[in-house]
Amino acid sequence: MAKDYDFRNASELLALCGKYGMSISEVMIQREMQLGKVSWETVMKRLDRSLRVMDGAANRAYEDPVPSMGGLLGGEAQKLRGFPREKSVLGSTLHKAVMFSLAVSETNASMGVIVAAPTAGAAGVVPGALLAVHEDMGISVDALRMALINASAIGYIITRNGSVSGAEAGCQAEVGSAAAMAASAVAEVLGGTPEQCCHAASIALSSLLGLVCDPVRGLVEVPCQTRNAAGVACAYTAAELALSDIEFAVPLDEMIAIVYDVGHSMPKALRETGLGGCAAAPALCSK
């Protein structure tokens, strides 16, 4: 009887990891191969393409800043790049991760090519987290591929059982989901078990629970860019907590359902309509 690698939620994913002695990334690759009827090499090529786009989006903006379409962003990543490291409270890896996340947000806002991971508004979190770990901690490209497909497994579970739409469930569904994806990916690439990866994802989601979606002037610029930076910091914190054997009390599947329910409890003014939150700031509405 052929092995079945399909799963619908985190509980089923963890069961498959235990059954076959695989990591989350390994199960997800097998699922892609099985359901998509493609080879291992095809999956790797797709991951490489996404990684190239992520790398390009992260490097473009801090090397050669381009003003955003709405004029609210441009040059933030480059400014952070020039910030004296001896004054940084972030440490080298988080500093780079935040810089990359800002840069991807600038690339997105200036109509550059990005990977929606899981959305354009949250596109800086996963590449910021992974590229910084790759550069600072000697993580190989092979390991980076596995980290990315680990993140995709978490994103798939959230999309299937919850939401990644700011219009439906607020920014907790965008940056929150991205932080969960990145937290799980970082946990795995640093040696975490599938269970630790899921704890990391759940911690990240819970930490950004209730985050509203309030784009100024209806643009994916402010406060989206700095929230991507905060999402990276949340992802790293969640991963390190999980890797320290700190188990989160709320299972990932339940946390995803909670995020979805909270999102539907939010007033429409706080769900991407541009009518509340930062979008209603007098300083920006008057310009």
C-alpha atoms as a PDB file:
ATOM      1  CA  MET A   1       0.000   0.000   0.000  1.00  0.00           C
ATOM      2  CA  ALA A   2       1.401   3.397  -1.021  1.00  0.00           C
ATOM      3  CA  LYS A   3       2.160   5.895   1.698  1.00  0.00           C
ATOM      4  CA  ASP A   4      -0.280   8.784   2.019  1.00  0.00           C
ATOM      5  CA  TYR A   5       1.364  12.090   2.906  1.00  0.00           C
ATOM      6  CA  ASP A   6      -1.700  14.326   2.719  1.00  0.00           C
ATOM      7  CA  PHE A   7      -2.758  16.163   5.869  1.00  0.00           C
ATOM      8  CA  ARG A   8      -5.444  18.685   6.724  1.00  0.00           C
ATOM      9  CA  ASN A   9      -4.232  20.145  10.005  1.00  0.00           C
ATOM     10  CA  ALA A  10      -1.303  20.238  12.419  1.00  0.00           C
ATOM     11  CA  SER A  11      -2.440  17.152  14.315  1.00  0.00           C
ATOM     12  CA  GLU A  12      -2.433  15.069  11.146  1.00  0.00           C
ATOM     13  CA  LEU A  13       0.913  16.555  10.096  1.00  0.00           C
ATOM     14  CA  LEU A  14       2.515  15.635  13.414  1.00  0.00           C
ATOM     15  CA  ALA A  15       1.047  12.140  13.179  1.00  0.00           C
ATOM     16  CA  LEU A  16       2.677  11.682   9.755  1.00  0.00           C
ATOM     17  CA  CYS A  17       5.999  13.011  11.073  1.00  0.00           C
ATOM     18  CA  GLY A  18       5.872  10.459  13.883  1.00  0.00           C
ATOM     19  CA  LYS A  19       4.678   7.608  11.666  1.00  0.00           C
ATOM     20  CA  TYR A  20       7.418   7.995   9.075  1.00  0.00           C
ATOM     21  CA  GLY A  21      10.150   9.486  11.273  1.00  0.00           C
ATOM     22  CA  MET A  22      10.251  12.637   9.154  1.00  0.00           C
ATOM     23  CA  SER A  23      10.552  16.352   9.717  1.00  0.00           C
ATOM     24  CA  ILE A  24       7.743  18.726   8.722  1.00  0.00           C
ATOM     25  CA  SER A  25       9.672  19.753   5.622  1.00  0.00           C
ATOM     26  CA  GLU A  26      10.219  16.148   4.551  1.00  0.00           C
ATOM     27  CA  VAL A  27       6.522  15.318   4.877  1.00  0.00           C
ATOM     28  CA  MET A  28       5.575  18.487   2.977  1.00  0.00           C
ATOM     29  CA  ILE A  29       7.938  17.638   0.123  1.00  0.00           C
ATOM     30  CA  GLN A  30       6.442  14.164  -0.132  1.00  0.00           C
ATOM     31  CA  ARG A  31       2.956  15.702  -0.142  1.00  0.00           C
ATOM     32  CA  GLU A  32       3.921  18.065  -2.976  1.00  0.00           C
ATOM     33  CA  MET A  33       5.374  15.200  -4.972  1.00  0.00           C
ATOM     34  CA  GLN A  34       2.382  12.949  -4.350  1.00  0.00           C
ATOM     35  CA  LEU A  35      -0.475  15.390  -4.936  1.00  0.00           C
ATOM     36  CA  GLY A  36       1.246  17.419  -7.637  1.00  0.00           C
ATOM     37  CA  LYS A  37       2.643  14.339  -9.370  1.00  0.00           C
ATOM     38  CA  VAL A  38       6.056  16.000  -9.644  1.00  0.00           C
ATOM     39  CA  SER A  39       9.611  14.924  -8.897  1.00  0.00           C
ATOM     40  CA  TRP A  40      11.847  15.883  -5.995  1.00  0.00           C
ATOM     41  CA  GLU A  41      13.930  17.922  -8.443  1.00  0.00           C
ATOM     42  CA  THR A  42      10.862  19.883  -9.544  1.00  0.00           C
ATOM     43  CA  VAL A  43       9.982  20.745  -5.950  1.00  0.00           C
ATOM     44  CA  MET A  44      13.575  21.878  -5.309  1.00  0.00           C
ATOM     45  CA  LYS A  45      13.552  24.052  -8.434  1.00  0.00           C
ATOM     46  CA  ARG A  46      10.350  25.734  -7.291  1.00  0.00           C
ATOM     47  CA  LEU A  47      11.848  26.390  -3.873  1.00  0.00           C
ATOM     48  CA  ASP A  48      15.008  27.788  -5.469  1.00  0.00           C
ATOM     49  CA  ARG A  49      12.949  30.166  -7.593  1.00  0.00           C
ATOM     50  CA  SER A  50      11.120  31.463  -4.524  1.00  0.00           C
ATOM     51  CA  LEU A  51      14.391  31.864  -2.642  1.00  0.00           C
ATOM     52  CA  ARG A  52      15.914  33.813  -5.538  1.00  0.00           C
ATOM     53  CA  VAL A  53      12.944  36.167  -5.607  1.00  0.00           C
ATOM     54  CA  MET A  54      13.086  36.608  -1.841  1.00  0.00           C
ATOM     55  CA  ASP A  55      16.803  37.337  -1.954  1.00  0.00           C
ATOM     56  CA  GLY A  56      16.344  39.813  -4.793  1.00  0.00           C
ATOM     57  CA  ALA A  57      13.521  41.613  -3.008  1.00  0.00           C
ATOM     58  CA  ALA A  58      15.550  41.819   0.204  1.00  0.00           C
ATOM     59  CA  ASN A  59      18.678  43.167  -1.448  1.00  0.00           C
ATOM     60  CA  ARG A  60      17.150  45.508  -4.003  1.00  0.00           C
ATOM     61  CA  ALA A  61      15.686  48.022  -1.589  1.00  0.00           C
ATOM     62  CA  TYR A  62      18.564  48.456   0.848  1.00  0.00           C
ATOM     63  CA  GLU A  63      21.140  48.746  -1.927  1.00  0.00           C
ATOM     64  CA  ASP A  64      19.125  51.038  -4.221  1.00  0.00           C
ATOM     65  CA  PRO A  65      16.011  52.423  -2.512  1.00  0.00           C
ATOM     66  CA  VAL A  66      13.026  53.263  -4.687  1.00  0.00           C
ATOM     67  CA  PRO A  67      10.147  55.433  -3.413  1.00  0.00           C
ATOM     68  CA  SER A  68       6.894  53.550  -2.891  1.00  0.00           C
ATOM     69  CA  MET A  69       3.878  54.158  -5.098  1.00  0.00           C
ATOM     70  CA  GLY A  70       2.114  55.995  -2.301  1.00  0.00           C
ATOM     71  CA  GLY A  71       5.170  57.957  -1.254  1.00  0.00           C
ATOM     72  CA  LEU A  72       5.092  56.733   2.346  1.00  0.00           C
ATOM     73  CA  LEU A  73       8.092  54.397   2.100  1.00  0.00           C
ATOM     74  CA  GLY A  74      11.575  54.479   0.663  1.00  0.00           C
ATOM     75  CA  GLY A  75      15.023  54.198   2.213  1.00  0.00           C
ATOM     76  CA  GLU A  76      14.124  52.722   5.601  1.00  0.00           C
ATOM     77  CA  ALA A  77      16.092  49.511   5.067  1.00  0.00           C
ATOM     78  CA  GLN A  78      19.129  51.469   3.936  1.00  0.00           C
ATOM     79  CA  LYS A  79      18.926  53.655   7.038  1.00  0.00           C
ATOM     80  CA  LEU A  80      18.864  50.605   9.267  1.00  0.00           C
ATOM     81  CA  ARG A  81      21.778  49.119   7.351  1.00  0.00           C
ATOM     82  CA  GLY A  82      23.813  52.199   8.224  1.00  0.00           C
ATOM     83  CA  PHE A  83      22.875  52.169  11.902  1.00  0.00           C
ATOM     84  CA  PRO A  84      25.987  51.676  14.075  1.00  0.00           C
ATOM     85  CA  ARG A  85      26.136  48.035  15.147  1.00  0.00           C
ATOM     86  CA  GLU A  86      27.720  48.975  18.471  1.00  0.00           C
ATOM     87  CA  LYS A  87      24.511  50.804  19.358  1.00  0.00           C
ATOM     88  CA  SER A  88      22.191  47.999  18.253  1.00  0.00           C
ATOM     89  CA  VAL A  89      20.147  46.248  20.906  1.00  0.00           C
ATOM     90  CA  LEU A  90      18.968  43.644  18.417  1.00  0.00           C
ATOM     91  CA  GLY A  91      22.138  41.673  17.834  1.00  0.00           C
ATOM     92  CA  SER A  92      23.531  40.855  14.412  1.00  0.00           C
ATOM     93  CA  THR A  93      21.043  38.229  13.223  1.00  0.00           C
ATOM     94  CA  LEU A  94      17.864  40.021  14.265  1.00  0.00           C
ATOM     95  CA  HIS A  95      19.278  43.322  12.961  1.00  0.00           C
ATOM     96  CA  LYS A  96      19.741  41.734   9.532  1.00  0.00           C
ATOM     97  CA  ALA A  97      16.352  40.043   9.664  1.00  0.00           C
ATOM     98  CA  VAL A  98      14.611  43.328  10.423  1.00  0.00           C
ATOM     99  CA  MET A  99      16.574  45.088   7.678  1.00  0.00           C
ATOM    100  CA  PHE A 100      15.635  42.428   5.132  1.00  0.00           C
ATOM    101  CA  SER A 101      11.983  42.554   6.171  1.00  0.00           C
ATOM    102  CA  LEU A 102      11.893  46.336   5.713  1.00  0.00           C
ATOM    103  CA  ALA A 103      13.563  45.973   2.334  1.00  0.00           C
ATOM    104  CA  VAL A 104      11.067  43.408   1.055  1.00  0.00           C
ATOM    105  CA  SER A 105       8.213  45.663   2.156  1.00  0.00           C
ATOM    106  CA  GLU A 106       9.771  48.549   0.208  1.00  0.00           C
ATOM    107  CA  THR A 107      10.190  46.348  -2.857  1.00  0.00           C
ATOM    108  CA  ASN A 108       6.544  45.347  -2.632  1.00  0.00           C
ATOM    109  CA  ALA A 109       5.335  48.923  -2.160  1.00  0.00           C
ATOM    110  CA  SER A 110       7.327  50.079  -5.220  1.00  0.00           C
ATOM    111  CA  MET A 111       5.815  47.359  -7.422  1.00  0.00           C
ATOM    112  CA  GLY A 112       8.870  45.092  -7.328  1.00  0.00           C
ATOM    113  CA  VAL A 113       8.682  41.304  -7.475  1.00  0.00           C
ATOM    114  CA  ILE A 114       8.135  39.564  -4.127  1.00  0.00           C
ATOM    115  CA  VAL A 115       6.955  36.208  -2.824  1.00  0.00           C
ATOM    116  CA  ALA A 116       3.631  36.515  -1.033  1.00  0.00           C
ATOM    117  CA  ALA A 117       4.443  34.518   2.076  1.00  0.00           C
ATOM    118  CA  PRO A 118       1.595  34.201   2.758  1.00  0.00           C
ATOM    119  CA  THR A 119       0.510  37.655   1.487  1.00  0.00           C
ATOM    120  CA  ALA A 120       2.100  40.716  -0.064  1.00  0.00           C
ATOM    121  CA  GLY A 121       1.440  42.736   3.080  1.00  0.00           C
ATOM    122  CA  ALA A 122       3.373  40.216   5.184  1.00  0.00           C
ATOM    123  CA  ALA A 123       5.963  39.324   2.547  1.00  0.00           C
ATOM    124  CA  GLY A 124       8.988  40.521   4.537  1.00  0.00           C
ATOM    125  CA  VAL A 125       8.739  38.225   7.544  1.00  0.00           C
ATOM    126  CA  VAL A 126       9.701  34.812   6.129  1.00  0.00           C
ATOM    127  CA  PRO A 127      12.554  36.016   3.878  1.00  0.00           C
ATOM    128  CA  GLY A 128      13.818  38.340   6.597  1.00  0.00           C
ATOM    129  CA  ALA A 129      13.962  35.518   9.127  1.00  0.00           C
ATOM    130  CA  LEU A 130      15.461  32.897   6.806  1.00  0.00           C
ATOM    131  CA  LEU A 131      17.985  35.012   4.913  1.00  0.00           C
ATOM    132  CA  ALA A 132      19.444  36.440   8.113  1.00  0.00           C
ATOM    133  CA  VAL A 133      19.847  32.974   9.649  1.00  0.00           C
ATOM    134  CA  HIS A 134      21.433  31.798   6.401  1.00  0.00           C
ATOM    135  CA  GLU A 135      23.963  34.642   6.406  1.00  0.00           C
ATOM    136  CA  ASP A 136      24.760  34.797  10.098  1.00  0.00           C
ATOM    137  CA  MET A 137      24.599  31.187  11.213  1.00  0.00           C
ATOM    138  CA  GLY A 138      26.106  29.340   8.271  1.00  0.00           C
ATOM    139  CA  ILE A 139      22.882  27.618   7.274  1.00  0.00           C
ATOM    140  CA  SER A 140      23.345  25.882   3.926  1.00  0.00           C
ATOM    141  CA  VAL A 141      21.186  26.492   0.863  1.00  0.00           C
ATOM    142  CA  ASP A 142      19.886  22.921   1.156  1.00  0.00           C
ATOM    143  CA  ALA A 143      18.762  23.610   4.719  1.00  0.00           C
ATOM    144  CA  LEU A 144      17.254  26.901   3.588  1.00  0.00           C
ATOM    145  CA  ARG A 145      15.096  25.056   1.062  1.00  0.00           C
ATOM    146  CA  MET A 146      13.851  22.735   3.794  1.00  0.00           C
ATOM    147  CA  ALA A 147      13.095  25.695   6.050  1.00  0.00           C
ATOM    148  CA  LEU A 148      11.067  27.356   3.327  1.00  0.00           C
ATOM    149  CA  ILE A 149       8.931  24.305   2.642  1.00  0.00           C
ATOM    150  CA  ASN A 150       8.456  23.878   6.392  1.00  0.00           C
ATOM    151  CA  ALA A 151       7.052  27.419   6.406  1.00  0.00           C
ATOM    152  CA  SER A 152       4.796  26.525   3.500  1.00  0.00           C
ATOM    153  CA  ALA A 153       3.352  23.602   5.455  1.00  0.00           C
ATOM    154  CA  ILE A 154       2.347  25.924   8.290  1.00  0.00           C
ATOM    155  CA  GLY A 155       0.970  28.448   5.800  1.00  0.00           C
ATOM    156  CA  TYR A 156      -1.074  25.727   4.127  1.00  0.00           C
ATOM    157  CA  ILE A 157      -2.564  24.600   7.444  1.00  0.00           C
ATOM    158  CA  ILE A 158      -3.481  28.163   8.407  1.00  0.00           C
ATOM    159  CA  THR A 159      -5.002  28.874   4.987  1.00  0.00           C
ATOM    160  CA  ARG A 160      -7.026  25.673   5.038  1.00  0.00           C
ATOM    161  CA  ASN A 161      -8.338  26.017   8.605  1.00  0.00           C
ATOM    162  CA  GLY A 162      -8.227  29.751   9.249  1.00  0.00           C
ATOM    163  CA  SER A 163      -7.393  32.818   7.205  1.00  0.00           C
ATOM    164  CA  VAL A 164      -4.425  34.768   5.855  1.00  0.00           C
ATOM    165  CA  SER A 165      -6.602  37.658   4.721  1.00  0.00           C
ATOM    166  CA  GLY A 166      -6.389  41.022   6.451  1.00  0.00           C
ATOM    167  CA  ALA A 167      -9.793  41.927   5.073  1.00  0.00           C
ATOM    168  CA  GLU A 168     -11.293  38.860   6.694  1.00  0.00           C
ATOM    169  CA  ALA A 169      -9.372  38.547   9.958  1.00  0.00           C
ATOM    170  CA  GLY A 170      -7.084  41.542  10.445  1.00  0.00           C
ATOM    171  CA  CYS A 171      -3.304  41.759  10.305  1.00  0.00           C
ATOM    172  CA  GLN A 172      -3.044  38.885  12.790  1.00  0.00           C
ATOM    173  CA  ALA A 173      -3.984  36.748   9.787  1.00  0.00           C
ATOM    174  CA  GLU A 174      -1.231  38.264   7.639  1.00  0.00           C
ATOM    175  CA  VAL A 175       1.806  39.212   9.730  1.00  0.00           C
ATOM    176  CA  GLY A 176       0.678  36.786  12.432  1.00  0.00           C
ATOM    177  CA  SER A 177       0.549  33.900   9.976  1.00  0.00           C
ATOM    178  CA  ALA A 178       3.875  34.922   8.443  1.00  0.00           C
ATOM    179  CA  ALA A 179       5.457  35.015  11.900  1.00  0.00           C
ATOM    180  CA  ALA A 180       4.099  31.537  12.626  1.00  0.00           C
ATOM    181  CA  MET A 181       5.503  30.244   9.338  1.00  0.00           C
ATOM    182  CA  ALA A 182       8.893  31.815  10.004  1.00  0.00           C
ATOM    183  CA  ALA A 183       8.999  30.629  13.618  1.00  0.00           C
ATOM    184  CA  SER A 184       8.396  27.027  12.596  1.00  0.00           C
ATOM    185  CA  ALA A 185      10.935  27.247   9.777  1.00  0.00           C
ATOM    186  CA  VAL A 186      13.648  28.722  11.993  1.00  0.00           C
ATOM    187  CA  ALA A 187      12.949  26.141  14.683  1.00  0.00           C
ATOM    188  CA  GLU A 188      13.407  23.288  12.211  1.00  0.00           C
ATOM    189  CA  VAL A 189      16.534  24.685  10.557  1.00  0.00           C
ATOM    190  CA  LEU A 190      18.123  25.018  14.000  1.00  0.00           C
ATOM    191  CA  GLY A 191      17.398  21.402  14.881  1.00  0.00           C
ATOM    192  CA  GLY A 192      13.902  21.567  16.323  1.00  0.00           C
ATOM    193  CA  THR A 193      11.496  18.634  16.312  1.00  0.00           C
ATOM    194  CA  PRO A 194       8.129  18.781  14.496  1.00  0.00           C
ATOM    195  CA  GLU A 195       6.453  19.284  17.873  1.00  0.00           C
ATOM    196  CA  GLN A 196       8.758  22.214  18.680  1.00  0.00           C
ATOM    197  CA  CYS A 197       8.020  23.735  15.278  1.00  0.00           C
ATOM    198  CA  CYS A 198       4.297  23.649  15.994  1.00  0.00           C
ATOM    199  CA  HIS A 199       4.810  25.127  19.452  1.00  0.00           C
ATOM    200  CA  ALA A 200       6.830  27.931  17.855  1.00  0.00           C
ATOM    201  CA  ALA A 201       4.081  28.621  15.328  1.00  0.00           C
ATOM    202  CA  SER A 202       1.412  28.654  18.023  1.00  0.00           C
ATOM    203  CA  ILE A 203       3.452  31.005  20.232  1.00  0.00           C
ATOM    204  CA  ALA A 204       3.896  33.399  17.309  1.00  0.00           C
ATOM    205  CA  LEU A 205       0.187  33.415  16.476  1.00  0.00           C
ATOM    206  CA  SER A 206      -0.804  33.951  20.088  1.00  0.00           C
ATOM    207  CA  SER A 207       1.663  36.820  20.455  1.00  0.00           C
ATOM    208  CA  LEU A 208       0.105  38.743  17.571  1.00  0.00           C
ATOM    209  CA  LEU A 209      -3.485  37.763  18.357  1.00  0.00           C
ATOM    210  CA  GLY A 210      -5.880  40.642  17.760  1.00  0.00           C
ATOM    211  CA  LEU A 211      -3.575  42.654  15.505  1.00  0.00           C
ATOM    212  CA  VAL A 212      -5.747  44.868  13.324  1.00  0.00           C
ATOM    213  CA  CYS A 213      -5.360  45.645   9.637  1.00  0.00           C
ATOM    214  CA  ASP A 214      -5.360  49.428   9.214  1.00  0.00           C
ATOM    215  CA  PRO A 215      -3.459  50.441   6.062  1.00  0.00           C
ATOM    216  CA  VAL A 216      -2.967  54.173   5.804  1.00  0.00           C
ATOM    217  CA  ARG A 217      -4.662  55.493   2.642  1.00  0.00           C
ATOM    218  CA  GLY A 218      -5.500  51.914   1.771  1.00  0.00           C
ATOM    219  CA  LEU A 219      -1.904  51.228   0.764  1.00  0.00           C
ATOM    220  CA  VAL A 220       0.312  48.324   1.830  1.00  0.00           C
ATOM    221  CA  GLU A 221       2.914  50.710   3.248  1.00  0.00           C
ATOM    222  CA  VAL A 222       2.192  52.101   6.731  1.00  0.00           C
ATOM    223  CA  PRO A 223       2.057  50.462   9.254  1.00  0.00           C
ATOM    224  CA  CYS A 224       2.675  47.295   7.215  1.00  0.00           C
ATOM    225  CA  GLN A 225       6.434  47.755   6.827  1.00  0.00           C
ATOM    226  CA  THR A 226       7.267  48.118  10.503  1.00  0.00           C
ATOM    227  CA  ARG A 227       4.839  45.335  11.389  1.00  0.00           C
ATOM    228  CA  ASN A 228       6.852  43.028   9.164  1.00  0.00           C
ATOM    229  CA  ALA A 229       9.897  43.952  11.222  1.00  0.00           C
ATOM    230  CA  ALA A 230       8.006  43.232  14.435  1.00  0.00           C
ATOM    231  CA  GLY A 231       6.814  39.947  12.936  1.00  0.00           C
ATOM    232  CA  VAL A 232      10.414  38.821  12.406  1.00  0.00           C
ATOM    233  CA  ALA A 233      11.278  39.590  16.025  1.00  0.00           C
ATOM    234  CA  CYS A 234       8.201  37.675  17.149  1.00  0.00           C
ATOM    235  CA  ALA A 235       9.161  34.696  14.978  1.00  0.00           C
ATOM    236  CA  TYR A 236      12.690  34.531  16.380  1.00  0.00           C
ATOM    237  CA  THR A 237      11.410  34.801  19.946  1.00  0.00           C
ATOM    238  CA  ALA A 238       8.835  32.069  19.390  1.00  0.00           C
ATOM    239  CA  ALA A 239      11.424  29.764  17.775  1.00  0.00           C
ATOM    240  CA  GLU A 240      13.914  30.223  20.599  1.00  0.00           C
ATOM    241  CA  LEU A 241      11.275  29.610  23.250  1.00  0.00           C
ATOM    242  CA  ALA A 242      10.193  26.402  21.536  1.00  0.00           C
ATOM    243  CA  LEU A 243      13.778  25.248  21.035  1.00  0.00           C
ATOM    244  CA  SER A 244      14.256  25.739  24.777  1.00  0.00           C
ATOM    245  CA  ASP A 245      11.582  23.070  25.330  1.00  0.00           C
ATOM    246  CA  ILE A 246       8.981  25.623  26.329  1.00  0.00           C
ATOM    247  CA  GLU A 247       5.668  24.110  25.269  1.00  0.00           C
ATOM    248  CA  PHE A 248       2.748  26.383  24.493  1.00  0.00           C
ATOM    249  CA  ALA A 249      -0.480  25.420  26.226  1.00  0.00           C
ATOM    250  CA  VAL A 250      -2.689  25.999  23.183  1.00  0.00           C
ATOM    251  CA  PRO A 251      -2.179  23.485  20.346  1.00  0.00           C
ATOM    252  CA  LEU A 252      -1.544  24.968  16.909  1.00  0.00           C
ATOM    253  CA  ASP A 253      -4.871  23.798  15.459  1.00  0.00           C
ATOM    254  CA  GLU A 254      -6.776  25.449  18.299  1.00  0.00           C
ATOM    255  CA  MET A 255      -4.685  28.610  17.981  1.00  0.00           C
ATOM    256  CA  ILE A 256      -5.502  28.869  14.285  1.00  0.00           C
ATOM    257  CA  ALA A 257      -9.216  28.571  15.090  1.00  0.00           C
ATOM    258  CA  ILE A 258      -8.884  31.225  17.791  1.00  0.00           C
ATOM    259  CA  VAL A 259      -7.228  33.665  15.379  1.00  0.00           C
ATOM    260  CA  TYR A 260     -10.039  33.071  12.894  1.00  0.00           C
ATOM    261  CA  ASP A 261     -12.747  33.656  15.513  1.00  0.00           C
ATOM    262  CA  VAL A 262     -11.059  36.786  16.857  1.00  0.00           C
ATOM    263  CA  GLY A 263     -10.709  38.107  13.316  1.00  0.00           C
ATOM    264  CA  HIS A 264     -14.408  37.732  12.671  1.00  0.00           C
ATOM    265  CA  SER A 265     -15.114  39.571  15.930  1.00  0.00           C
ATOM    266  CA  MET A 266     -13.237  42.657  14.738  1.00  0.00           C
ATOM    267  CA  PRO A 267     -15.247  45.628  13.500  1.00  0.00           C
ATOM    268  CA  LYS A 268     -14.984  46.230   9.767  1.00  0.00           C
ATOM    269  CA  ALA A 269     -13.104  49.484  10.400  1.00  0.00           C
ATOM    270  CA  LEU A 270     -10.163  47.385  11.590  1.00  0.00           C
ATOM    271  CA  ARG A 271     -10.146  44.899   8.719  1.00  0.00           C
ATOM    272  CA  GLU A 272      -8.352  46.558   5.799  1.00  0.00           C
ATOM    273  CA  THR A 273     -11.016  49.160   5.091  1.00  0.00           C
ATOM    274  CA  GLY A 274      -8.708  52.052   5.976  1.00  0.00           C
ATOM    275  CA  LEU A 275     -11.326  53.502   8.315  1.00  0.00           C
ATOM    276  CA  GLY A 276      -9.759  52.885  11.732  1.00  0.00           C
ATOM    277  CA  GLY A 277      -6.548  52.382  13.640  1.00  0.00           C
ATOM    278  CA  CYS A 278      -3.453  53.997  12.111  1.00  0.00           C
ATOM    279  CA  ALA A 279      -5.430  54.708   8.938  1.00  0.00           C
ATOM    280  CA  ALA A 280      -7.518  57.224  10.907  1.00  0.00           C
ATOM    281  CA  ALA A 281      -4.511  59.109  12.318  1.00  0.00           C
ATOM    282  CA  PRO A 282      -5.191  62.850  11.913  1.00  0.00           C
ATOM    283  CA  ALA A 283      -1.543  63.508  11.012  1.00  0.00           C
ATOM    284  CA  LEU A 284      -1.889  61.339   7.914  1.00  0.00           C
ATOM    285  CA  CYS A 285      -5.504  62.017   7.020  1.00  0.00           C
ATOM    286  CA  SER A 286      -4.836  65.759   6.780  1.00  0.00           C
ATOM    287  CA  LYS A 287      -2.131  65.369   4.098  1.00  0.00           C
END
